[in-house]
Amino acid sequence: MIEHYTDHAANERTYLAWVRTALAFMAFGLLVERFDLFIRSMPNLAQSAQALGSSAYARTAGLALILLGVLVLGVSSHRYLTFKQLISSDETRDFHSSRTDLVLVVIVAVIGVLMTAYVASHALY
């Protein structure tokens, strides 16, 4: 039996909640940026959108939300690892969890960076 198992489980649940939040930020950022492109593709709405200058705003907001998601991933990963070490500090047996959660975070962060590059590249035309 692992000592302080409930504390570790609570730490992991909190971490996964932050990962879901980061994914939501990134998905919403992509939605904001892409929805503006949808509006611009419609002839009548495109003229209104350009008159309001919403194109640059949507790109900036979308990019900011995606970067915020990546930042949340980084901060929550640091927090998770720090608290994991603190919970385990008085144990005689180290808590061994799979590295799957960390690999998942790296994959999500890479996807976030790629989405950021995608949004940024389309902001230049």
N, C-alpha and C. Protein backbone atom coordinates (compact mmCIF):
# COMPACT_ATOMS: atom_id res chain seq x y z
N MET A 1 0.84 -1.18 0.00
CA MET A 1 0.00 0.00 0.00
C MET A 1 0.89 1.25 0.00
N ILE A 2 0.54 2.19 -0.78
CA ILE A 2 1.29 3.44 -0.87
C ILE A 2 0.78 4.41 0.20
N GLU A 3 1.71 4.92 1.00
CA GLU A 3 1.33 5.90 2.01
C GLU A 3 0.86 7.18 1.34
N HIS A 4 -0.10 7.82 1.94
CA HIS A 4 -0.65 9.09 1.45
C HIS A 4 -1.25 8.94 0.05
N TYR A 5 -1.78 7.75 -0.24
CA TYR A 5 -2.33 7.51 -1.57
C TYR A 5 -3.45 8.50 -1.90
N THR A 6 -4.31 8.78 -0.94
CA THR A 6 -5.42 9.69 -1.22
C THR A 6 -4.91 11.09 -1.55
N ASP A 7 -3.82 11.50 -0.93
CA ASP A 7 -3.24 12.81 -1.24
C ASP A 7 -2.68 12.83 -2.66
N HIS A 8 -2.02 11.76 -3.04
CA HIS A 8 -1.49 11.68 -4.41
C HIS A 8 -2.62 11.66 -5.43
N ALA A 9 -3.68 10.89 -5.12
CA ALA A 9 -4.82 10.81 -6.05
C ALA A 9 -5.48 12.18 -6.19
N ALA A 10 -5.62 12.90 -5.09
CA ALA A 10 -6.20 14.24 -5.16
C ALA A 10 -5.31 15.18 -5.97
N ASN A 11 -4.01 15.05 -5.81
CA ASN A 11 -3.07 15.86 -6.58
C ASN A 11 -3.22 15.58 -8.08
N GLU A 12 -3.34 14.31 -8.44
CA GLU A 12 -3.51 13.96 -9.85
C GLU A 12 -4.85 14.44 -10.40
N ARG A 13 -5.90 14.35 -9.61
CA ARG A 13 -7.21 14.84 -10.07
C ARG A 13 -7.18 16.34 -10.32
N THR A 14 -6.51 17.05 -9.43
CA THR A 14 -6.38 18.50 -9.61
C THR A 14 -5.58 18.82 -10.87
N TYR A 15 -4.52 18.08 -11.06
CA TYR A 15 -3.68 18.27 -12.24
C TYR A 15 -4.49 18.03 -13.52
N LEU A 16 -5.24 16.96 -13.55
CA LEU A 16 -6.04 16.66 -14.74
C LEU A 16 -7.11 17.72 -14.98
N ALA A 17 -7.63 18.29 -13.92
CA ALA A 17 -8.59 19.38 -14.09
C ALA A 17 -7.93 20.59 -14.75
N TRP A 18 -6.68 20.87 -14.36
CA TRP A 18 -5.95 21.97 -15.00
C TRP A 18 -5.63 21.66 -16.45
N VAL A 19 -5.35 20.41 -16.75
CA VAL A 19 -5.09 20.02 -18.14
C VAL A 19 -6.35 20.22 -18.98
N ARG A 20 -7.49 19.84 -18.45
CA ARG A 20 -8.76 20.06 -19.17
C ARG A 20 -9.00 21.55 -19.37
N THR A 21 -8.67 22.34 -18.38
CA THR A 21 -8.83 23.79 -18.51
C THR A 21 -7.91 24.34 -19.60
N ALA A 22 -6.69 23.88 -19.63
CA ALA A 22 -5.75 24.33 -20.66
C ALA A 22 -6.24 23.95 -22.05
N LEU A 23 -6.74 22.74 -22.19
CA LEU A 23 -7.29 22.31 -23.48
C LEU A 23 -8.48 23.18 -23.88
N ALA A 24 -9.30 23.53 -22.92
CA ALA A 24 -10.45 24.40 -23.21
C ALA A 24 -9.98 25.78 -23.68
N PHE A 25 -8.93 26.32 -23.03
CA PHE A 25 -8.39 27.61 -23.47
C PHE A 25 -7.90 27.53 -24.91
N MET A 26 -7.16 26.49 -25.22
CA MET A 26 -6.60 26.36 -26.56
C MET A 26 -7.70 26.14 -27.60
N ALA A 27 -8.67 25.31 -27.29
CA ALA A 27 -9.76 25.06 -28.23
C ALA A 27 -10.58 26.33 -28.45
N PHE A 28 -10.83 27.06 -27.39
CA PHE A 28 -11.59 28.29 -27.53
C PHE A 28 -10.80 29.32 -28.33
N GLY A 29 -9.50 29.38 -28.12
CA GLY A 29 -8.67 30.30 -28.91
C GLY A 29 -8.72 29.98 -30.39
N LEU A 30 -8.65 28.70 -30.70
CA LEU A 30 -8.74 28.30 -32.11
C LEU A 30 -10.13 28.61 -32.67
N LEU A 31 -11.15 28.40 -31.87
CA LEU A 31 -12.52 28.70 -32.30
C LEU A 31 -12.68 30.19 -32.58
N VAL A 32 -12.17 31.02 -31.70
CA VAL A 32 -12.27 32.48 -31.88
C VAL A 32 -11.60 32.89 -33.19
N GLU A 33 -10.41 32.38 -33.42
CA GLU A 33 -9.67 32.76 -34.62
C GLU A 33 -10.34 32.21 -35.88
N ARG A 34 -10.77 30.98 -35.86
CA ARG A 34 -11.38 30.36 -37.03
C ARG A 34 -12.78 30.91 -37.30
N PHE A 35 -13.54 31.25 -36.28
CA PHE A 35 -14.87 31.79 -36.49
C PHE A 35 -14.80 33.11 -37.23
N ASP A 36 -13.77 33.88 -36.96
CA ASP A 36 -13.58 35.13 -37.68
C ASP A 36 -13.35 34.87 -39.17
N LEU A 37 -12.60 33.81 -39.49
CA LEU A 37 -12.41 33.47 -40.90
C LEU A 37 -13.73 33.06 -41.54
N PHE A 38 -14.57 32.35 -40.78
CA PHE A 38 -15.89 31.96 -41.29
C PHE A 38 -16.72 33.19 -41.60
N ILE A 39 -16.70 34.17 -40.71
CA ILE A 39 -17.47 35.41 -40.91
C ILE A 39 -16.96 36.13 -42.16
N ARG A 40 -15.62 36.18 -42.33
CA ARG A 40 -15.05 36.90 -43.47
C ARG A 40 -15.34 36.21 -44.79
N SER A 41 -15.64 34.91 -44.75
CA SER A 41 -15.93 34.20 -46.00
C SER A 41 -17.33 34.48 -46.51
N MET A 42 -18.18 35.02 -45.68
CA MET A 42 -19.55 35.37 -46.09
C MET A 42 -19.53 36.81 -46.60
N PRO A 43 -19.94 37.04 -47.86
CA PRO A 43 -19.79 38.37 -48.48
C PRO A 43 -20.38 39.52 -47.67
N ASN A 44 -21.61 39.40 -47.22
CA ASN A 44 -22.23 40.53 -46.50
C ASN A 44 -21.61 40.74 -45.13
N LEU A 45 -21.32 39.66 -44.45
CA LEU A 45 -20.74 39.78 -43.12
C LEU A 45 -19.28 40.19 -43.17
N ALA A 46 -18.59 39.83 -44.25
CA ALA A 46 -17.17 40.16 -44.37
C ALA A 46 -16.95 41.67 -44.39
N GLN A 47 -17.82 42.39 -45.11
CA GLN A 47 -17.68 43.85 -45.16
C GLN A 47 -17.92 44.46 -43.79
N SER A 48 -18.90 43.94 -43.06
CA SER A 48 -19.17 44.46 -41.71
C SER A 48 -18.01 44.16 -40.78
N ALA A 49 -17.47 42.94 -40.87
CA ALA A 49 -16.38 42.54 -39.99
C ALA A 49 -15.14 43.38 -40.25
N GLN A 50 -14.85 43.63 -41.53
CA GLN A 50 -13.67 44.44 -41.83
C GLN A 50 -13.87 45.88 -41.40
N ALA A 51 -15.09 46.37 -41.52
CA ALA A 51 -15.37 47.73 -41.09
C ALA A 51 -15.14 47.88 -39.59
N LEU A 52 -15.45 46.82 -38.84
CA LEU A 52 -15.25 46.87 -37.39
C LEU A 52 -13.82 46.55 -36.99
N GLY A 53 -13.02 46.04 -37.91
CA GLY A 53 -11.65 45.69 -37.59
C GLY A 53 -11.55 44.44 -36.71
N SER A 54 -12.54 43.58 -36.79
CA SER A 54 -12.56 42.42 -35.90
C SER A 54 -11.54 41.36 -36.30
N SER A 55 -11.06 41.41 -37.52
CA SER A 55 -10.12 40.39 -37.98
C SER A 55 -8.85 40.36 -37.15
N ALA A 56 -8.22 41.49 -36.96
CA ALA A 56 -7.00 41.55 -36.18
C ALA A 56 -7.27 41.22 -34.72
N TYR A 57 -8.39 41.66 -34.22
CA TYR A 57 -8.73 41.37 -32.83
C TYR A 57 -8.95 39.88 -32.61
N ALA A 58 -9.68 39.24 -33.52
CA ALA A 58 -9.94 37.81 -33.37
C ALA A 58 -8.65 37.00 -33.45
N ARG A 59 -7.77 37.38 -34.34
CA ARG A 59 -6.48 36.68 -34.44
C ARG A 59 -5.66 36.85 -33.16
N THR A 60 -5.61 38.07 -32.67
CA THR A 60 -4.85 38.34 -31.45
C THR A 60 -5.45 37.62 -30.25
N ALA A 61 -6.78 37.67 -30.13
CA ALA A 61 -7.45 37.01 -29.01
C ALA A 61 -7.28 35.50 -29.10
N GLY A 62 -7.43 34.95 -30.29
CA GLY A 62 -7.26 33.51 -30.46
C GLY A 62 -5.85 33.07 -30.11
N LEU A 63 -4.87 33.81 -30.58
CA LEU A 63 -3.48 33.50 -30.28
C LEU A 63 -3.19 33.62 -28.78
N ALA A 64 -3.74 34.65 -28.15
CA ALA A 64 -3.54 34.84 -26.71
C ALA A 64 -4.16 33.69 -25.91
N LEU A 65 -5.34 33.25 -26.30
CA LEU A 65 -5.99 32.15 -25.59
C LEU A 65 -5.21 30.84 -25.76
N ILE A 66 -4.71 30.61 -26.95
CA ILE A 66 -3.92 29.40 -27.17
C ILE A 66 -2.64 29.44 -26.34
N LEU A 67 -1.96 30.58 -26.34
CA LEU A 67 -0.75 30.71 -25.52
C LEU A 67 -1.06 30.59 -24.03
N LEU A 68 -2.22 31.08 -23.62
CA LEU A 68 -2.63 30.94 -22.24
C LEU A 68 -2.81 29.47 -21.88
N GLY A 69 -3.38 28.71 -22.79
CA GLY A 69 -3.53 27.27 -22.57
C GLY A 69 -2.19 26.58 -22.40
N VAL A 70 -1.23 26.95 -23.23
CA VAL A 70 0.11 26.37 -23.12
C VAL A 70 0.75 26.77 -21.79
N LEU A 71 0.56 28.02 -21.38
CA LEU A 71 1.10 28.48 -20.10
C LEU A 71 0.47 27.72 -18.94
N VAL A 72 -0.84 27.52 -18.99
CA VAL A 72 -1.53 26.77 -17.93
C VAL A 72 -0.98 25.35 -17.84
N LEU A 73 -0.71 24.75 -18.98
CA LEU A 73 -0.11 23.41 -18.98
C LEU A 73 1.24 23.41 -18.27
N GLY A 74 2.07 24.38 -18.59
CA GLY A 74 3.38 24.43 -17.97
C GLY A 74 3.33 24.67 -16.47
N VAL A 75 2.50 25.61 -16.06
CA VAL A 75 2.38 25.93 -14.64
C VAL A 75 1.77 24.77 -13.87
N SER A 76 0.74 24.16 -14.42
CA SER A 76 0.09 23.05 -13.71
C SER A 76 1.03 21.84 -13.63
N SER A 77 1.84 21.63 -14.64
CA SER A 77 2.80 20.53 -14.59
C SER A 77 3.83 20.76 -13.49
N HIS A 78 4.31 21.98 -13.40
CA HIS A 78 5.27 22.32 -12.34
C HIS A 78 4.63 22.13 -10.96
N ARG A 79 3.40 22.58 -10.82
CA ARG A 79 2.69 22.45 -9.56
C ARG A 79 2.49 20.98 -9.18
N TYR A 80 2.07 20.21 -10.15
CA TYR A 80 1.83 18.79 -9.90
C TYR A 80 3.10 18.10 -9.41
N LEU A 81 4.21 18.33 -10.09
CA LEU A 81 5.47 17.69 -9.72
C LEU A 81 5.97 18.17 -8.36
N THR A 82 5.80 19.44 -8.09
CA THR A 82 6.23 19.98 -6.80
C THR A 82 5.44 19.36 -5.65
N PHE A 83 4.12 19.32 -5.80
CA PHE A 83 3.30 18.76 -4.73
C PHE A 83 3.48 17.26 -4.61
N LYS A 84 3.73 16.62 -5.72
CA LYS A 84 4.00 15.17 -5.66
C LYS A 84 5.24 14.91 -4.80
N GLN A 85 6.26 15.71 -5.00
CA GLN A 85 7.49 15.55 -4.22
C GLN A 85 7.25 15.89 -2.74
N LEU A 86 6.47 16.93 -2.49
CA LEU A 86 6.19 17.30 -1.11
C LEU A 86 5.38 16.24 -0.38
N ILE A 87 4.41 15.66 -1.06
CA ILE A 87 3.60 14.60 -0.45
C ILE A 87 4.47 13.39 -0.14
N SER A 88 5.39 13.09 -1.02
CA SER A 88 6.24 11.91 -0.86
C SER A 88 7.43 12.13 0.07
N SER A 89 7.67 13.32 0.50
CA SER A 89 8.91 13.63 1.20
C SER A 89 9.13 12.84 2.49
N ASP A 90 8.09 12.49 3.22
CA ASP A 90 8.29 11.78 4.47
C ASP A 90 8.08 10.27 4.32
N GLU A 91 7.97 9.80 3.14
CA GLU A 91 7.74 8.37 2.89
C GLU A 91 9.05 7.60 2.89
N THR A 92 8.96 6.36 3.30
CA THR A 92 10.12 5.49 3.16
C THR A 92 10.12 4.84 1.79
N ARG A 93 8.97 4.78 1.16
CA ARG A 93 8.84 4.20 -0.17
C ARG A 93 8.34 5.29 -1.11
N ASP A 94 9.06 5.52 -2.18
CA ASP A 94 8.70 6.57 -3.13
C ASP A 94 7.45 6.19 -3.89
N PHE A 95 6.67 7.17 -4.20
CA PHE A 95 5.45 6.99 -4.99
C PHE A 95 5.83 6.88 -6.46
N HIS A 96 5.54 5.75 -7.06
CA HIS A 96 5.87 5.54 -8.47
C HIS A 96 4.59 5.55 -9.29
N SER A 97 4.44 6.55 -10.10
CA SER A 97 3.30 6.59 -11.01
C SER A 97 3.82 6.47 -12.43
N SER A 98 2.93 6.18 -13.32
CA SER A 98 3.36 6.08 -14.71
C SER A 98 3.67 7.48 -15.24
N ARG A 99 4.48 7.55 -16.23
CA ARG A 99 4.85 8.83 -16.84
C ARG A 99 3.88 9.20 -17.96
N THR A 100 2.80 8.43 -18.08
CA THR A 100 1.84 8.67 -19.14
C THR A 100 1.24 10.07 -19.05
N ASP A 101 0.94 10.51 -17.83
CA ASP A 101 0.35 11.83 -17.68
C ASP A 101 1.30 12.92 -18.15
N LEU A 102 2.57 12.76 -17.87
CA LEU A 102 3.54 13.77 -18.31
C LEU A 102 3.74 13.74 -19.83
N VAL A 103 3.72 12.55 -20.40
CA VAL A 103 3.83 12.44 -21.85
C VAL A 103 2.62 13.09 -22.51
N LEU A 104 1.45 12.89 -21.91
CA LEU A 104 0.24 13.51 -22.44
C LEU A 104 0.34 15.02 -22.41
N VAL A 105 0.86 15.56 -21.35
CA VAL A 105 1.02 17.01 -21.25
C VAL A 105 1.99 17.52 -22.30
N VAL A 106 3.07 16.80 -22.53
CA VAL A 106 4.02 17.21 -23.56
C VAL A 106 3.35 17.20 -24.93
N ILE A 107 2.57 16.17 -25.20
CA ILE A 107 1.88 16.09 -26.49
C ILE A 107 0.90 17.25 -26.63
N VAL A 108 0.14 17.52 -25.59
CA VAL A 108 -0.83 18.62 -25.63
C VAL A 108 -0.11 19.96 -25.79
N ALA A 109 1.03 20.12 -25.12
CA ALA A 109 1.79 21.36 -25.26
C ALA A 109 2.31 21.52 -26.69
N VAL A 110 2.78 20.43 -27.28
CA VAL A 110 3.25 20.49 -28.67
C VAL A 110 2.10 20.86 -29.60
N ILE A 111 0.94 20.26 -29.37
CA ILE A 111 -0.23 20.61 -30.18
C ILE A 111 -0.57 22.08 -30.00
N GLY A 112 -0.48 22.56 -28.77
CA GLY A 112 -0.75 23.97 -28.52
C GLY A 112 0.21 24.88 -29.25
N VAL A 113 1.47 24.51 -29.26
CA VAL A 113 2.47 25.31 -29.98
C VAL A 113 2.19 25.27 -31.48
N LEU A 114 1.83 24.10 -31.99
CA LEU A 114 1.52 23.99 -33.42
C LEU A 114 0.27 24.80 -33.78
N MET A 115 -0.73 24.78 -32.90
CA MET A 115 -1.92 25.58 -33.16
C MET A 115 -1.57 27.07 -33.12
N THR A 116 -0.68 27.44 -32.22
CA THR A 116 -0.25 28.82 -32.14
C THR A 116 0.46 29.23 -33.43
N ALA A 117 1.33 28.37 -33.93
CA ALA A 117 2.03 28.66 -35.18
C ALA A 117 1.03 28.75 -36.33
N TYR A 118 0.02 27.90 -36.32
CA TYR A 118 -1.01 27.92 -37.37
C TYR A 118 -1.76 29.24 -37.36
N VAL A 119 -2.20 29.64 -36.18
CA VAL A 119 -2.93 30.90 -36.06
C VAL A 119 -2.03 32.07 -36.43
N ALA A 120 -0.78 32.04 -35.98
CA ALA A 120 0.14 33.14 -36.29
C ALA A 120 0.44 33.22 -37.77
N SER A 121 0.57 32.08 -38.43
CA SER A 121 0.88 32.11 -39.86
C SER A 121 -0.29 32.65 -40.68
N HIS A 122 -1.49 32.40 -40.23
CA HIS A 122 -2.65 32.91 -40.96
C HIS A 122 -2.93 34.37 -40.61
N ALA A 123 -2.31 34.87 -39.56
CA ALA A 123 -2.46 36.26 -39.20
C ALA A 123 -1.62 37.16 -40.10
N LEU A 124 -0.71 36.58 -40.87
CA LEU A 124 0.19 37.40 -41.69
C LEU A 124 -0.36 37.74 -43.06
N TYR A 125 -1.42 37.08 -43.48
CA TYR A 125 -1.93 37.39 -44.83
C TYR A 125 -2.96 38.46 -44.81
